PDB file of N, CA and C in Angstrom:
ATOM      1  N   MET A   1     100.982  99.997  85.014  1.00  0.00           N
ATOM      2  CA  MET A   1     100.124 100.394  86.114  1.00  0.00           C
ATOM      3  C   MET A   1      99.153 101.447  85.616  1.00  0.00           C
ATOM      4  N   LYS A   2      97.860 101.150  85.691  1.00  0.00           N
ATOM      5  CA  LYS A   2      96.819 102.046  85.186  1.00  0.00           C
ATOM      6  C   LYS A   2      96.034 102.631  86.358  1.00  0.00           C
ATOM      7  N   ILE A   3      95.953 103.960  86.391  1.00  0.00           N
ATOM      8  CA  ILE A   3      95.329 104.676  87.493  1.00  0.00           C
ATOM      9  C   ILE A   3      94.195 105.553  86.966  1.00  0.00           C
ATOM     10  N   LEU A   4      93.078 105.565  87.696  1.00  0.00           N
ATOM     11  CA  LEU A   4      91.966 106.469  87.407  1.00  0.00           C
ATOM     12  C   LEU A   4      91.894 107.500  88.524  1.00  0.00           C
ATOM     13  N   ILE A   5      91.854 108.781  88.138  1.00  0.00           N
ATOM     14  CA  ILE A   5      91.686 109.876  89.105  1.00  0.00           C
ATOM     15  C   ILE A   5      90.267 110.415  88.954  1.00  0.00           C
ATOM     16  N   VAL A   6      89.519 110.455  90.058  1.00  0.00           N
ATOM     17  CA  VAL A   6      88.133 110.935  90.055  1.00  0.00           C
ATOM     18  C   VAL A   6      88.045 112.124  91.012  1.00  0.00           C
ATOM     19  N   ASP A   7      87.947 113.323  90.445  1.00  0.00           N
ATOM     20  CA  ASP A   7      87.848 114.531  91.264  1.00  0.00           C
ATOM     21  C   ASP A   7      87.196 115.615  90.427  1.00  0.00           C
ATOM     22  N   ASP A   8      86.272 116.363  91.019  1.00  0.00           N
ATOM     23  CA  ASP A   8      85.592 117.411  90.268  1.00  0.00           C
ATOM     24  C   ASP A   8      86.432 118.675  90.121  1.00  0.00           C
ATOM     25  N   GLU A   9      87.534 118.777  90.849  1.00  0.00           N
ATOM     26  CA  GLU A   9      88.402 119.944  90.756  1.00  0.00           C
ATOM     27  C   GLU A   9      89.479 119.699  89.700  1.00  0.00           C
ATOM     28  N   TYR A  10      89.427 120.505  88.630  1.00  0.00           N
ATOM     29  CA  TYR A  10      90.370 120.346  87.523  1.00  0.00           C
ATOM     30  C   TYR A  10      91.818 120.426  87.993  1.00  0.00           C
ATOM     31  N   VAL A  11      92.117 121.364  88.869  1.00  0.00           N
ATOM     32  CA  VAL A  11      93.494 121.561  89.327  1.00  0.00           C
ATOM     33  C   VAL A  11      94.031 120.284  89.980  1.00  0.00           C
ATOM     34  N   ILE A  12      93.218 119.614  90.764  1.00  0.00           N
ATOM     35  CA  ILE A  12      93.660 118.384  91.421  1.00  0.00           C
ATOM     36  C   ILE A  12      93.808 117.264  90.396  1.00  0.00           C
ATOM     37  N   ARG A  13      92.806 117.095  89.527  1.00  0.00           N
ATOM     38  CA  ARG A  13      92.898 116.055  88.486  1.00  0.00           C
ATOM     39  C   ARG A  13      94.144 116.243  87.628  1.00  0.00           C
ATOM     40  N   HIS A  14      94.315 117.451  87.123  1.00  0.00           N
ATOM     41  CA  HIS A  14      95.424 117.732  86.223  1.00  0.00           C
ATOM     42  C   HIS A  14      96.773 117.618  86.938  1.00  0.00           C
ATOM     43  N   GLY A  15      96.852 118.179  88.142  1.00  0.00           N
ATOM     44  CA  GLY A  15      98.105 118.136  88.897  1.00  0.00           C
ATOM     45  C   GLY A  15      98.526 116.713  89.232  1.00  0.00           C
ATOM     46  N   CYS A  16      97.586 115.923  89.732  1.00  0.00           N
ATOM     47  CA  CYS A  16      97.895 114.523  90.064  1.00  0.00           C
ATOM     48  C   CYS A  16      98.297 113.745  88.810  1.00  0.00           C
ATOM     49  N   ARG A  17      97.581 113.996  87.726  1.00  0.00           N
ATOM     50  CA  ARG A  17      97.889 113.291  86.473  1.00  0.00           C
ATOM     51  C   ARG A  17      99.321 113.585  86.030  1.00  0.00           C
ATOM     52  N   MET A  18      99.696 114.864  86.045  1.00  0.00           N
ATOM     53  CA  MET A  18     101.047 115.242  85.609  1.00  0.00           C
ATOM     54  C   MET A  18     102.117 114.589  86.479  1.00  0.00           C
ATOM     55  N   ILE A  19     101.915 114.622  87.789  1.00  0.00           N
ATOM     56  CA  ILE A  19     102.891 114.039  88.719  1.00  0.00           C
ATOM     57  C   ILE A  19     103.028 112.542  88.485  1.00  0.00           C
ATOM     58  N   LEU A  20     101.905 111.852  88.340  1.00  0.00           N
ATOM     59  CA  LEU A  20     101.935 110.392  88.186  1.00  0.00           C
ATOM     60  C   LEU A  20     102.453 109.968  86.812  1.00  0.00           C
ATOM     61  N   GLU A  21     102.102 110.709  85.775  1.00  0.00           N
ATOM     62  CA  GLU A  21     102.620 110.373  84.442  1.00  0.00           C
ATOM     63  C   GLU A  21     104.126 110.569  84.370  1.00  0.00           C
ATOM     64  N   GLU A  22     104.647 111.564  85.081  1.00  0.00           N
ATOM     65  CA  GLU A  22     106.103 111.762  85.137  1.00  0.00           C
ATOM     66  C   GLU A  22     106.805 110.554  85.755  1.00  0.00           C
ATOM     67  N   GLN A  23     106.081 109.809  86.593  1.00  0.00           N
ATOM     68  CA  GLN A  23     106.646 108.624  87.234  1.00  0.00           C
ATOM     69  C   GLN A  23     106.407 107.352  86.421  1.00  0.00           C
ATOM     70  N   GLY A  24     105.795 107.499  85.242  1.00  0.00           N
ATOM     71  CA  GLY A  24     105.604 106.362  84.357  1.00  0.00           C
ATOM     72  C   GLY A  24     104.264 105.657  84.461  1.00  0.00           C
ATOM     73  N   TYR A  25     103.349 106.189  85.258  1.00  0.00           N
ATOM     74  CA  TYR A  25     102.026 105.582  85.381  1.00  0.00           C
ATOM     75  C   TYR A  25     101.149 105.990  84.188  1.00  0.00           C
ATOM     76  N   THR A  26     100.230 105.124  83.803  1.00  0.00           N
ATOM     77  CA  THR A  26      99.205 105.447  82.826  1.00  0.00           C
ATOM     78  C   THR A  26      98.017 105.982  83.607  1.00  0.00           C
ATOM     79  N   VAL A  27      97.565 107.183  83.260  1.00  0.00           N
ATOM     80  CA  VAL A  27      96.554 107.856  84.071  1.00  0.00           C
ATOM     81  C   VAL A  27      95.393 108.328  83.199  1.00  0.00           C
ATOM     82  N   GLU A  28      94.181 108.082  83.686  1.00  0.00           N
ATOM     83  CA  GLU A  28      92.967 108.630  83.099  1.00  0.00           C
ATOM     84  C   GLU A  28      92.245 109.404  84.190  1.00  0.00           C
ATOM     85  N   THR A  29      91.412 110.360  83.785  1.00  0.00           N
ATOM     86  CA  THR A  29      90.704 111.178  84.770  1.00  0.00           C
ATOM     87  C   THR A  29      89.226 111.301  84.425  1.00  0.00           C
ATOM     88  N   THR A  30      88.426 111.500  85.468  1.00  0.00           N
ATOM     89  CA  THR A  30      87.011 111.823  85.321  1.00  0.00           C
ATOM     90  C   THR A  30      86.648 112.863  86.374  1.00  0.00           C
ATOM     91  N   ALA A  31      85.549 113.590  86.121  1.00  0.00           N
ATOM     92  CA  ALA A  31      85.145 114.660  87.027  1.00  0.00           C
ATOM     93  C   ALA A  31      83.897 114.338  87.835  1.00  0.00           C
ATOM     94  N   THR A  32      83.215 113.252  87.483  1.00  0.00           N
ATOM     95  CA  THR A  32      81.980 112.909  88.191  1.00  0.00           C
ATOM     96  C   THR A  32      81.962 111.421  88.524  1.00  0.00           C
ATOM     97  N   CYS A  33      81.093 111.056  89.439  1.00  0.00           N
ATOM     98  CA  CYS A  33      80.939 109.655  89.805  1.00  0.00           C
ATOM     99  C   CYS A  33      80.372 108.863  88.629  1.00  0.00           C
ATOM    100  N   GLY A  34      79.429 109.442  87.901  1.00  0.00           N
ATOM    101  CA  GLY A  34      78.852 108.766  86.747  1.00  0.00           C
ATOM    102  C   GLY A  34      79.899 108.434  85.696  1.00  0.00           C
ATOM    103  N   GLU A  35      80.784 109.405  85.403  1.00  0.00           N
ATOM    104  CA  GLU A  35      81.868 109.167  84.444  1.00  0.00           C
ATOM    105  C   GLU A  35      82.801 108.069  84.958  1.00  0.00           C
ATOM    106  N   ALA A  36      83.064 108.093  86.254  1.00  0.00           N
ATOM    107  CA  ALA A  36      83.959 107.090  86.848  1.00  0.00           C
ATOM    108  C   ALA A  36      83.349 105.698  86.771  1.00  0.00           C
ATOM    109  N   ILE A  37      82.052 105.584  87.036  1.00  0.00           N
ATOM    110  CA  ILE A  37      81.381 104.286  86.948  1.00  0.00           C
ATOM    111  C   ILE A  37      81.451 103.756  85.513  1.00  0.00           C
ATOM    112  N   ASP A  38      81.228 104.634  84.540  1.00  0.00           N
ATOM    113  CA  ASP A  38      81.366 104.228  83.137  1.00  0.00           C
ATOM    114  C   ASP A  38      82.791 103.760  82.844  1.00  0.00           C
ATOM    115  N   ALA A  39      83.775 104.491  83.362  1.00  0.00           N
ATOM    116  CA  ALA A  39      85.180 104.153  83.106  1.00  0.00           C
ATOM    117  C   ALA A  39      85.556 102.804  83.702  1.00  0.00           C
ATOM    118  N   VAL A  40      85.159 102.545  84.957  1.00  0.00           N
ATOM    119  CA  VAL A  40      85.537 101.270  85.589  1.00  0.00           C
ATOM    120  C   VAL A  40      84.749 100.098  85.019  1.00  0.00           C
ATOM    121  N   SER A  41      83.621 100.406  84.380  1.00  0.00           N
ATOM    122  CA  SER A  41      82.834  99.336  83.759  1.00  0.00           C
ATOM    123  C   SER A  41      83.491  98.819  82.486  1.00  0.00           C
ATOM    124  N   SER A  42      84.301  99.666  81.854  1.00  0.00           N
ATOM    125  CA  SER A  42      84.889  99.276  80.576  1.00  0.00           C
ATOM    126  C   SER A  42      86.417  99.213  80.579  1.00  0.00           C
ATOM    127  N   ASN A  43      87.052  99.493  81.711  1.00  0.00           N
ATOM    128  CA  ASN A  43      88.518  99.471  81.801  1.00  0.00           C
ATOM    129  C   ASN A  43      88.954  98.806  83.100  1.00  0.00           C
ATOM    130  N   ALA A  44      90.103  98.173  83.057  1.00  0.00           N
ATOM    131  CA  ALA A  44      90.684  97.579  84.268  1.00  0.00           C
ATOM    132  C   ALA A  44      91.715  98.559  84.831  1.00  0.00           C
ATOM    133  N   TYR A  45      91.496  98.981  86.055  1.00  0.00           N
ATOM    134  CA  TYR A  45      92.430  99.886  86.729  1.00  0.00           C
ATOM    135  C   TYR A  45      93.098  99.150  87.873  1.00  0.00           C
ATOM    136  N   ASP A  46      94.353  99.499  88.112  1.00  0.00           N
ATOM    137  CA  ASP A  46      95.079  98.945  89.252  1.00  0.00           C
ATOM    138  C   ASP A  46      94.813  99.755  90.511  1.00  0.00           C
ATOM    139  N   LEU A  47      94.511 101.039  90.318  1.00  0.00           N
ATOM    140  CA  LEU A  47      94.335 101.954  91.437  1.00  0.00           C
ATOM    141  C   LEU A  47      93.367 103.055  91.026  1.00  0.00           C
ATOM    142  N   VAL A  48      92.517 103.474  91.973  1.00  0.00           N
ATOM    143  CA  VAL A  48      91.595 104.594  91.756  1.00  0.00           C
ATOM    144  C   VAL A  48      91.847 105.622  92.849  1.00  0.00           C
ATOM    145  N   LEU A  49      92.102 106.868  92.447  1.00  0.00           N
ATOM    146  CA  LEU A  49      92.188 107.989  93.382  1.00  0.00           C
ATOM    147  C   LEU A  49      90.826 108.665  93.344  1.00  0.00           C
ATOM    148  N   LEU A  50      90.126 108.687  94.472  1.00  0.00           N
ATOM    149  CA  LEU A  50      88.715 109.052  94.484  1.00  0.00           C
ATOM    150  C   LEU A  50      88.389 110.136  95.496  1.00  0.00           C
ATOM    151  N   ASP A  51      87.828 111.233  94.992  1.00  0.00           N
ATOM    152  CA  ASP A  51      87.240 112.251  95.855  1.00  0.00           C
ATOM    153  C   ASP A  51      85.799 111.820  96.114  1.00  0.00           C
ATOM    154  N   LEU A  52      85.353 111.861  97.349  1.00  0.00           N
ATOM    155  CA  LEU A  52      83.992 111.405  97.659  1.00  0.00           C
ATOM    156  C   LEU A  52      82.930 112.474  97.445  1.00  0.00           C
ATOM    157  N   LYS A  53      83.315 113.721  97.505  1.00  0.00           N
ATOM    158  CA  LYS A  53      82.355 114.825  97.346  1.00  0.00           C
ATOM    159  C   LYS A  53      82.341 115.238  95.874  1.00  0.00           C
ATOM    160  N   LEU A  54      81.469 114.586  95.109  1.00  0.00           N
ATOM    161  CA  LEU A  54      81.370 114.834  93.676  1.00  0.00           C
ATOM    162  C   LEU A  54      80.044 115.512  93.357  1.00  0.00           C
ATOM    163  N   PRO A  55      79.965 116.248  92.248  1.00  0.00           N
ATOM    164  CA  PRO A  55      78.763 117.041  91.981  1.00  0.00           C
ATOM    165  C   PRO A  55      77.512 116.223  91.652  1.00  0.00           C
ATOM    166  N   ASP A  56      77.675 115.029  91.081  1.00  0.00           N
ATOM    167  CA  ASP A  56      76.494 114.286  90.664  1.00  0.00           C
ATOM    168  C   ASP A  56      75.997 113.301  91.704  1.00  0.00           C
ATOM    169  N   ARG A  57      76.892 112.739  92.509  1.00  0.00           N
ATOM    170  CA  ARG A  57      76.515 111.821  93.586  1.00  0.00           C
ATOM    171  C   ARG A  57      77.730 111.532  94.455  1.00  0.00           C
ATOM    172  N   ASP A  58      77.488 110.860  95.544  1.00  0.00           N
ATOM    173  CA  ASP A  58      78.549 110.536  96.487  1.00  0.00           C
ATOM    174  C   ASP A  58      79.502 109.521  95.861  1.00  0.00           C
ATOM    175  N   GLY A  59      80.790 109.765  96.014  1.00  0.00           N
ATOM    176  CA  GLY A  59      81.791 108.884  95.438  1.00  0.00           C
ATOM    177  C   GLY A  59      81.774 107.466  95.971  1.00  0.00           C
ATOM    178  N   THR A  60      81.130 107.254  97.127  1.00  0.00           N
ATOM    179  CA  THR A  60      81.075 105.886  97.659  1.00  0.00           C
ATOM    180  C   THR A  60      80.295 104.957  96.727  1.00  0.00           C
ATOM    181  N   GLU A  61      79.467 105.505  95.851  1.00  0.00           N
ATOM    182  CA  GLU A  61      78.753 104.666  94.888  1.00  0.00           C
ATOM    183  C   GLU A  61      79.721 103.947  93.953  1.00  0.00           C
ATOM    184  N   LEU A  62      80.892 104.522  93.786  1.00  0.00           N
ATOM    185  CA  LEU A  62      81.888 103.882  92.924  1.00  0.00           C
ATOM    186  C   LEU A  62      82.368 102.561  93.526  1.00  0.00           C
ATOM    187  N   PHE A  63      82.390 102.466  94.863  1.00  0.00           N
ATOM    188  CA  PHE A  63      82.816 101.222  95.509  1.00  0.00           C
ATOM    189  C   PHE A  63      81.952 100.054  95.043  1.00  0.00           C
ATOM    190  N   LYS A  64      80.646 100.304  94.907  1.00  0.00           N
ATOM    191  CA  LYS A  64      79.719  99.253  94.499  1.00  0.00           C
ATOM    192  C   LYS A  64      79.864  98.914  93.020  1.00  0.00           C
ATOM    193  N   ALA A  65      80.335  99.879  92.223  1.00  0.00           N
ATOM    194  CA  ALA A  65      80.389  99.702  90.775  1.00  0.00           C
ATOM    195  C   ALA A  65      81.700  99.114  90.271  1.00  0.00           C
ATOM    196  N   VAL A  66      82.760  99.183  91.077  1.00  0.00           N
ATOM    197  CA  VAL A  66      84.057  98.702  90.613  1.00  0.00           C
ATOM    198  C   VAL A  66      84.027  97.184  90.499  1.00  0.00           C
ATOM    199  N   PRO A  67      84.230  96.652  89.302  1.00  0.00           N
ATOM    200  CA  PRO A  67      84.194  95.198  89.139  1.00  0.00           C
ATOM    201  C   PRO A  67      85.444  94.528  89.690  1.00  0.00           C
ATOM    202  N   ARG A  68      85.266  93.317  90.149  1.00  0.00           N
ATOM    203  CA  ARG A  68      86.387  92.527  90.636  1.00  0.00           C
ATOM    204  C   ARG A  68      87.153  91.995  89.436  1.00  0.00           C
ATOM    205  N   GLY A  69      88.443  92.277  89.382  1.00  0.00           N
ATOM    206  CA  GLY A  69      89.285  91.812  88.284  1.00  0.00           C
ATOM    207  C   GLY A  69      89.970  90.504  88.623  1.00  0.00           C
ATOM    208  N   ILE A  70      90.864  90.084  87.768  1.00  0.00           N
ATOM    209  CA  ILE A  70      91.603  88.836  87.970  1.00  0.00           C
ATOM    210  C   ILE A  70      92.373  88.866  89.285  1.00  0.00           C
ATOM    211  N   ASN A  71      92.942  90.012  89.606  1.00  0.00           N
ATOM    212  CA  ASN A  71      93.720  90.156  90.839  1.00  0.00           C
ATOM    213  C   ASN A  71      92.898  90.761  91.970  1.00  0.00           C
ATOM    214  N   GLY A  72      91.591  90.641  91.903  1.00  0.00           N
ATOM    215  CA  GLY A  72      90.729  91.222  92.927  1.00  0.00           C
ATOM    216  C   GLY A  72      90.312  92.632  92.537  1.00  0.00           C
ATOM    217  N   TYR A  73      89.807  93.369  93.500  1.00  0.00           N
ATOM    218  CA  TYR A  73      89.383  94.738  93.249  1.00  0.00           C
ATOM    219  C   TYR A  73      90.597  95.642  93.175  1.00  0.00           C
ATOM    220  N   PRO A  74      90.507  96.719  92.375  1.00  0.00           N
ATOM    221  CA  PRO A  74      91.612  97.679  92.411  1.00  0.00           C
ATOM    222  C   PRO A  74      91.624  98.387  93.762  1.00  0.00           C
ATOM    223  N   ARG A  75      92.787  98.782  94.203  1.00  0.00           N
ATOM    224  CA  ARG A  75      92.883  99.576  95.423  1.00  0.00           C
ATOM    225  C   ARG A  75      92.275 100.943  95.154  1.00  0.00           C
ATOM    226  N   ILE A  76      91.724 101.553  96.187  1.00  0.00           N
ATOM    227  CA  ILE A  76      91.143 102.882  96.082  1.00  0.00           C
ATOM    228  C   ILE A  76      91.784 103.758  97.142  1.00  0.00           C
ATOM    229  N   ILE A  77      92.254 104.918  96.709  1.00  0.00           N
ATOM    230  CA  ILE A  77      92.746 105.924  97.647  1.00  0.00           C
ATOM    231  C   ILE A  77      91.703 107.030  97.683  1.00  0.00           C
ATOM    232  N   VAL A  78      91.066 107.197  98.827  1.00  0.00           N
ATOM    233  CA  VAL A  78      90.073 108.251  99.007  1.00  0.00           C
ATOM    234  C   VAL A  78      90.817 109.541  99.330  1.00  0.00           C
ATOM    235  N   MET A  79      90.576 110.564  98.496  1.00  0.00           N
ATOM    236  CA  MET A  79      91.180 111.883  98.706  1.00  0.00           C
ATOM    237  C   MET A  79      90.094 112.801  99.234  1.00  0.00           C
ATOM    238  N   SER A  80      90.277 113.337 100.427  1.00  0.00           N
ATOM    239  CA  SER A  80      89.225 114.179 100.987  1.00  0.00           C
ATOM    240  C   SER A  80      89.777 115.114 102.049  1.00  0.00           C
ATOM    241  N   GLY A  81      89.161 116.268 102.130  1.00  0.00           N
ATOM    242  CA  GLY A  81      89.467 117.201 103.206  1.00  0.00           C
ATOM    243  C   GLY A  81      88.637 116.911 104.446  1.00  0.00           C
ATOM    244  N   TYR A  82      87.711 115.955 104.328  1.00  0.00           N
ATOM    245  CA  TYR A  82      86.836 115.590 105.442  1.00  0.00           C
ATOM    246  C   TYR A  82      87.406 114.356 106.126  1.00  0.00           C
ATOM    247  N   ILE A  83      88.285 114.574 107.070  1.00  0.00           N
ATOM    248  CA  ILE A  83      88.998 113.472 107.711  1.00  0.00           C
ATOM    249  C   ILE A  83      88.046 112.511 108.410  1.00  0.00           C
ATOM    250  N   ASN A  84      86.914 112.997 108.919  1.00  0.00           N
ATOM    251  CA  ASN A  84      85.981 112.109 109.620  1.00  0.00           C
ATOM    252  C   ASN A  84      85.338 111.092 108.678  1.00  0.00           C
ATOM    253  N   LEU A  85      85.450 111.278 107.366  1.00  0.00           N
ATOM    254  CA  LEU A  85      84.897 110.310 106.421  1.00  0.00           C
ATOM    255  C   LEU A  85      85.532 108.940 106.591  1.00  0.00           C
ATOM    256  N   ARG A  86      86.799 108.917 106.952  1.00  0.00           N
ATOM    257  CA  ARG A  86      87.495 107.636 107.126  1.00  0.00           C
ATOM    258  C   ARG A  86      86.784 106.773 108.152  1.00  0.00           C
ATOM    259  N   ASN A  87      86.299 107.391 109.215  1.00  0.00           N
ATOM    260  CA  ASN A  87      85.629 106.641 110.280  1.00  0.00           C
ATOM    261  C   ASN A  87      84.236 106.187 109.878  1.00  0.00           C
ATOM    262  N   ASN A  88      83.654 106.807 108.860  1.00  0.00           N
ATOM    263  CA  ASN A  88      82.303 106.465 108.435  1.00  0.00           C
ATOM    264  C   ASN A  88      82.252 105.359 107.390  1.00  0.00           C
ATOM    265  N   MET A  89      83.388 104.950 106.866  1.00  0.00           N
ATOM    266  CA  MET A  89      83.411 103.900 105.849  1.00  0.00           C
ATOM    267  C   MET A  89      83.242 102.549 106.542  1.00  0.00           C
ATOM    268  N   SER A  90      82.564 101.640 105.878  1.00  0.00           N
ATOM    269  CA  SER A  90      82.346 100.321 106.470  1.00  0.00           C
ATOM    270  C   SER A  90      83.643  99.529 106.524  1.00  0.00           C
ATOM    271  N   ALA A  91      83.687  98.520 107.364  1.00  0.00           N
ATOM    272  CA  ALA A  91      84.879  97.676 107.499  1.00  0.00           C
ATOM    273  C   ALA A  91      85.224  97.001 106.174  1.00  0.00           C
ATOM    274  N   VAL A  92      84.207  96.625 105.414  1.00  0.00           N
ATOM    275  CA  VAL A  92      84.454  95.995 104.115  1.00  0.00           C
ATOM    276  C   VAL A  92      85.149  96.979 103.188  1.00  0.00           C
ATOM    277  N   ASP A  93      84.644  98.214 103.138  1.00  0.00           N
ATOM    278  CA  ASP A  93      85.260  99.215 102.286  1.00  0.00           C
ATOM    279  C   ASP A  93      86.675  99.537 102.747  1.00  0.00           C
ATOM    280  N   GLN A  94      86.901  99.572 104.066  1.00  0.00           N
ATOM    281  CA  GLN A  94      88.215  99.913 104.571  1.00  0.00           C
ATOM    282  C   GLN A  94      89.268  98.902 104.135  1.00  0.00           C
ATOM    283  N   ALA A  95      88.868  97.678 103.880  1.00  0.00           N
ATOM    284  CA  ALA A  95      89.819  96.684 103.404  1.00  0.00           C
ATOM    285  C   ALA A  95      90.253  96.987 101.978  1.00  0.00           C
ATOM    286  N   ARG A  96      89.472  97.804 101.277  1.00  0.00           N
ATOM    287  CA  ARG A  96      89.741  98.106  99.874  1.00  0.00           C
ATOM    288  C   ARG A  96      90.319  99.493  99.650  1.00  0.00           C
ATOM    289  N   PHE A  97      90.453 100.301 100.681  1.00  0.00           N
ATOM    290  CA  PHE A  97      90.901 101.659 100.414  1.00  0.00           C
ATOM    291  C   PHE A  97      91.918 102.179 101.417  1.00  0.00           C
ATOM    292  N   ASP A  98      92.580 103.228 100.993  1.00  0.00           N
ATOM    293  CA  ASP A  98      93.483 103.986 101.840  1.00  0.00           C
ATOM    294  C   ASP A  98      92.948 105.416 101.828  1.00  0.00           C
ATOM    295  N   PHE A  99      93.472 106.256 102.688  1.00  0.00           N
ATOM    296  CA  PHE A  99      92.969 107.618 102.814  1.00  0.00           C
ATOM    297  C   PHE A  99      94.104 108.608 102.654  1.00  0.00           C
ATOM    298  N   LEU A 100      93.928 109.612 101.803  1.00  0.00           N
ATOM    299  CA  LEU A 100      94.906 110.669 101.591  1.00  0.00           C
ATOM    300  C   LEU A 100      94.211 111.999 101.862  1.00  0.00           C
ATOM    301  N   PRO A 101      94.504 112.621 103.016  1.00  0.00           N
ATOM    302  CA  PRO A 101      93.806 113.868 103.348  1.00  0.00           C
ATOM    303  C   PRO A 101      94.243 115.021 102.447  1.00  0.00           C
ATOM    304  N   LYS A 102      93.251 115.813 102.017  1.00  0.00           N
ATOM    305  CA  LYS A 102      93.521 117.039 101.260  1.00  0.00           C
ATOM    306  C   LYS A 102      93.725 118.178 102.241  1.00  0.00           C
ATOM    307  N   PRO A 103      94.574 119.113 101.942  1.00  0.00           N
ATOM    308  CA  PRO A 103      95.497 119.136 100.811  1.00  0.00           C
ATOM    309  C   PRO A 103      96.684 118.216 101.073  1.00  0.00           C
ATOM    310  N   PHE A 104      97.301 117.731 100.005  1.00  0.00           N
ATOM    311  CA  PHE A 104      98.459 116.861 100.122  1.00  0.00           C
ATOM    312  C   PHE A 104      99.571 117.368  99.210  1.00  0.00           C
ATOM    313  N   THR A 105     100.781 116.977  99.539  1.00  0.00           N
ATOM    314  CA  THR A 105     101.937 117.375  98.735  1.00  0.00           C
ATOM    315  C   THR A 105     102.175 116.346  97.630  1.00  0.00           C
ATOM    316  N   ASP A 106     103.010 116.710  96.690  1.00  0.00           N
ATOM    317  CA  ASP A 106     103.387 115.774  95.632  1.00  0.00           C
ATOM    318  C   ASP A 106     104.002 114.517  96.234  1.00  0.00           C
ATOM    319  N   GLU A 107     104.836 114.706  97.239  1.00  0.00           N
ATOM    320  CA  GLU A 107     105.512 113.578  97.888  1.00  0.00           C
ATOM    321  C   GLU A 107     104.514 112.666  98.598  1.00  0.00           C
ATOM    322  N   GLU A 108     103.511 113.247  99.254  1.00  0.00           N
ATOM    323  CA  GLU A 108     102.486 112.437  99.926  1.00  0.00           C
ATOM    324  C   GLU A 108     101.661 111.648  98.914  1.00  0.00           C
ATOM    325  N   LEU A 109     101.350 112.266  97.780  1.00  0.00           N
ATOM    326  CA  LEU A 109     100.622 111.571  96.720  1.00  0.00           C
ATOM    327  C   LEU A 109     101.431 110.386  96.208  1.00  0.00           C
ATOM    328  N   LEU A 110     102.685 110.628  95.886  1.00  0.00           N
ATOM    329  CA  LEU A 110     103.530 109.550  95.352  1.00  0.00           C
ATOM    330  C   LEU A 110     103.715 108.425  96.364  1.00  0.00           C
ATOM    331  N   ALA A 111     103.873 108.775  97.635  1.00  0.00           N
ATOM    332  CA  ALA A 111     104.043 107.756  98.672  1.00  0.00           C
ATOM    333  C   ALA A 111     102.777 106.913  98.798  1.00  0.00           C
ATOM    334  N   ALA A 112     101.608 107.540  98.756  1.00  0.00           N
ATOM    335  CA  ALA A 112     100.344 106.801  98.865  1.00  0.00           C
ATOM    336  C   ALA A 112     100.156 105.885  97.663  1.00  0.00           C
ATOM    337  N   VAL A 113     100.459 106.375  96.475  1.00  0.00           N
ATOM    338  CA  VAL A 113     100.319 105.549  95.268  1.00  0.00           C
ATOM    339  C   VAL A 113     101.289 104.388  95.325  1.00  0.00           C
ATOM    340  N   GLU A 114     102.529 104.663  95.673  1.00  0.00           N
ATOM    341  CA  GLU A 114     103.529 103.591  95.751  1.00  0.00           C
ATOM    342  C   GLU A 114     103.132 102.531  96.756  1.00  0.00           C
ATOM    343  N   GLN A 115     102.661 102.958  97.912  1.00  0.00           N
ATOM    344  CA  GLN A 115     102.249 102.013  98.962  1.00  0.00           C
ATOM    345  C   GLN A 115     101.097 101.129  98.500  1.00  0.00           C
ATOM    346  N   ASN A 116     100.218 101.676  97.679  1.00  0.00           N
ATOM    347  CA  ASN A 116      99.036 100.948  97.245  1.00  0.00           C
ATOM    348  C   ASN A 116      99.211 100.214  95.923  1.00  0.00           C
ATOM    349  N   THR A 117     100.385 100.274  95.356  1.00  0.00           N
ATOM    350  CA  THR A 117     100.644  99.549  94.108  1.00  0.00           C
ATOM    351  C   THR A 117     101.732  98.504  94.273  1.00  0.00           C
ATOM    352  N   MET A 118     102.244  98.346  95.466  1.00  0.00           N
ATOM    353  CA  MET A 118     103.287  97.346  95.711  1.00  0.00           C
ATOM    354  C   MET A 118     102.666  95.978  95.885  1.00  0.00           C
ATOM    355  N   GLY A 119     103.363  94.979  95.345  1.00  0.00           N
ATOM    356  CA  GLY A 119     103.045  93.586  95.553  1.00  0.00           C
ATOM    357  C   GLY A 119     101.678  93.193  95.300  1.00  0.00           C
TER     358      GLY A 119
END
């Protein structure tokens, strides 16, 4: 299971990476939307943890850039402190993502990842 974490906050990127790697996941991280677009263009991910408020551009641009793989698009978990963002996502995008409100606990992170990597 390969996961990409996209967040401009080092503490969140590093913390999530450590928690997920302890559970046996393969994890890569990026700090900007541009880096994430480059990463998804050259790697197949099963899951993307995505902060939408990034320094270079809005994280929703990543939705357009994620290529469809053999098993469809990777699931995306949007991590945000802006709960109203969930209501602003299009119906098409909502079929591809889940929402994890910030701040979240280690247990909430693991539960969201597990839910989005099953079956």
